[in-house]
């Protein structure tokens, strides 16, 4: 039997938005959104 534990990763607040901590960047639009989130966080 394997030891396992469930771990909860709550959403994070970035630039006034709630963001999934496992936000996927698969498309150019996703990358643009991630860059905007990072820029908003840097301005905070």
N, C-alpha and C. Protein backbone atom coordinates (compact mmCIF):
# COMPACT_ATOMS: atom_id res chain seq x y z
N UNK A 1 0.84 -1.17 0.00
CA UNK A 1 0.00 0.00 0.00
C UNK A 1 0.89 1.24 0.00
N UNK A 2 0.51 2.23 -0.82
CA UNK A 2 1.25 3.49 -0.91
C UNK A 2 0.68 4.50 0.07
N UNK A 3 1.56 5.24 0.69
CA UNK A 3 1.11 6.36 1.52
C UNK A 3 0.79 7.52 0.60
N UNK A 4 -0.33 8.14 0.79
CA UNK A 4 -0.73 9.27 -0.05
C UNK A 4 -1.40 10.31 0.82
N UNK A 5 -1.31 11.53 0.37
CA UNK A 5 -1.97 12.63 1.08
C UNK A 5 -2.59 13.56 0.05
N UNK A 6 -3.78 14.02 0.35
CA UNK A 6 -4.44 14.99 -0.50
C UNK A 6 -3.95 16.37 -0.10
N UNK A 7 -3.62 17.17 -1.08
CA UNK A 7 -3.12 18.52 -0.83
C UNK A 7 -4.02 19.51 -1.56
N UNK A 8 -4.46 20.52 -0.86
CA UNK A 8 -5.33 21.54 -1.44
C UNK A 8 -4.50 22.76 -1.81
N UNK A 9 -4.61 23.21 -3.04
CA UNK A 9 -3.95 24.42 -3.51
C UNK A 9 -5.03 25.45 -3.78
N UNK A 10 -5.21 26.40 -2.88
CA UNK A 10 -6.28 27.37 -3.07
C UNK A 10 -5.97 28.33 -4.22
N UNK A 11 -7.01 28.90 -4.81
CA UNK A 11 -6.78 29.92 -5.83
C UNK A 11 -6.01 31.09 -5.22
N UNK A 12 -5.27 31.80 -6.05
CA UNK A 12 -4.50 32.95 -5.58
C UNK A 12 -5.08 34.23 -6.16
N UNK A 13 -4.87 35.32 -5.46
CA UNK A 13 -5.34 36.62 -5.90
C UNK A 13 -4.17 37.34 -6.56
N UNK A 14 -4.30 37.67 -7.85
CA UNK A 14 -3.24 38.37 -8.58
C UNK A 14 -3.89 39.52 -9.34
N UNK A 15 -3.43 40.71 -9.06
CA UNK A 15 -3.96 41.87 -9.77
C UNK A 15 -5.46 42.02 -9.65
N UNK A 16 -6.00 41.66 -8.50
CA UNK A 16 -7.44 41.78 -8.29
C UNK A 16 -8.26 40.67 -8.91
N UNK A 17 -7.59 39.66 -9.44
CA UNK A 17 -8.29 38.52 -10.05
C UNK A 17 -7.97 37.26 -9.28
N UNK A 18 -8.92 36.35 -9.22
CA UNK A 18 -8.69 35.04 -8.63
C UNK A 18 -8.18 34.12 -9.74
N UNK A 19 -7.02 33.49 -9.48
CA UNK A 19 -6.36 32.69 -10.51
C UNK A 19 -6.11 31.28 -9.99
N UNK A 20 -6.38 30.32 -10.83
CA UNK A 20 -6.08 28.91 -10.53
C UNK A 20 -4.56 28.76 -10.42
N UNK A 21 -4.05 28.18 -9.33
CA UNK A 21 -2.60 28.04 -9.20
C UNK A 21 -1.98 27.12 -10.26
N UNK A 22 -2.81 26.37 -10.96
CA UNK A 22 -2.32 25.50 -12.03
C UNK A 22 -2.77 26.03 -13.39
N UNK A 23 -2.77 27.35 -13.52
CA UNK A 23 -3.11 28.02 -14.77
C UNK A 23 -2.25 27.47 -15.89
N UNK A 24 -2.88 27.02 -16.96
CA UNK A 24 -2.15 26.41 -18.08
C UNK A 24 -1.86 27.45 -19.15
N UNK A 25 -0.67 27.38 -19.68
CA UNK A 25 -0.27 28.28 -20.75
C UNK A 25 0.02 27.40 -21.97
N UNK A 26 -1.03 27.14 -22.75
CA UNK A 26 -0.90 26.27 -23.92
C UNK A 26 -1.04 27.02 -25.24
N UNK A 27 -1.67 28.18 -25.19
CA UNK A 27 -1.94 28.94 -26.42
C UNK A 27 -1.34 30.33 -26.29
N UNK A 28 -1.13 31.01 -27.39
CA UNK A 28 -0.61 32.38 -27.32
C UNK A 28 -1.49 33.29 -26.46
N UNK A 29 -2.81 33.09 -26.49
CA UNK A 29 -3.71 33.90 -25.67
C UNK A 29 -3.47 33.66 -24.19
N UNK A 30 -3.16 32.40 -23.83
CA UNK A 30 -2.87 32.07 -22.43
C UNK A 30 -1.59 32.77 -21.98
N UNK A 31 -0.59 32.79 -22.85
CA UNK A 31 0.67 33.45 -22.53
C UNK A 31 0.43 34.94 -22.33
N UNK A 32 -0.37 35.55 -23.18
CA UNK A 32 -0.67 36.97 -23.04
C UNK A 32 -1.38 37.24 -21.71
N UNK A 33 -2.29 36.37 -21.34
CA UNK A 33 -3.00 36.53 -20.07
C UNK A 33 -2.04 36.38 -18.89
N UNK A 34 -1.15 35.41 -18.96
CA UNK A 34 -0.17 35.21 -17.89
C UNK A 34 0.76 36.41 -17.77
N UNK A 35 1.17 36.96 -18.90
CA UNK A 35 2.05 38.13 -18.87
C UNK A 35 1.31 39.33 -18.25
N UNK A 36 0.03 39.48 -18.57
CA UNK A 36 -0.77 40.57 -18.00
C UNK A 36 -0.91 40.39 -16.49
N UNK A 37 -1.11 39.16 -16.04
CA UNK A 37 -1.22 38.89 -14.61
C UNK A 37 0.09 39.22 -13.89
N UNK A 38 1.19 38.82 -14.49
CA UNK A 38 2.49 39.12 -13.88
C UNK A 38 2.75 40.62 -13.84
N UNK A 39 2.38 41.33 -14.89
CA UNK A 39 2.57 42.77 -14.91
C UNK A 39 1.72 43.44 -13.83
N UNK A 40 0.48 42.96 -13.66
CA UNK A 40 -0.40 43.52 -12.63
C UNK A 40 0.18 43.27 -11.25
N UNK A 41 0.76 42.10 -11.05
CA UNK A 41 1.36 41.76 -9.76
C UNK A 41 2.60 42.64 -9.50
N UNK A 42 3.38 42.90 -10.53
CA UNK A 42 4.58 43.72 -10.38
C UNK A 42 4.21 45.17 -10.04
N UNK A 43 3.06 45.62 -10.53
CA UNK A 43 2.61 46.99 -10.26
C UNK A 43 2.03 47.14 -8.86
N UNK A 44 1.72 46.02 -8.21
CA UNK A 44 1.09 46.07 -6.88
C UNK A 44 2.08 46.45 -5.80
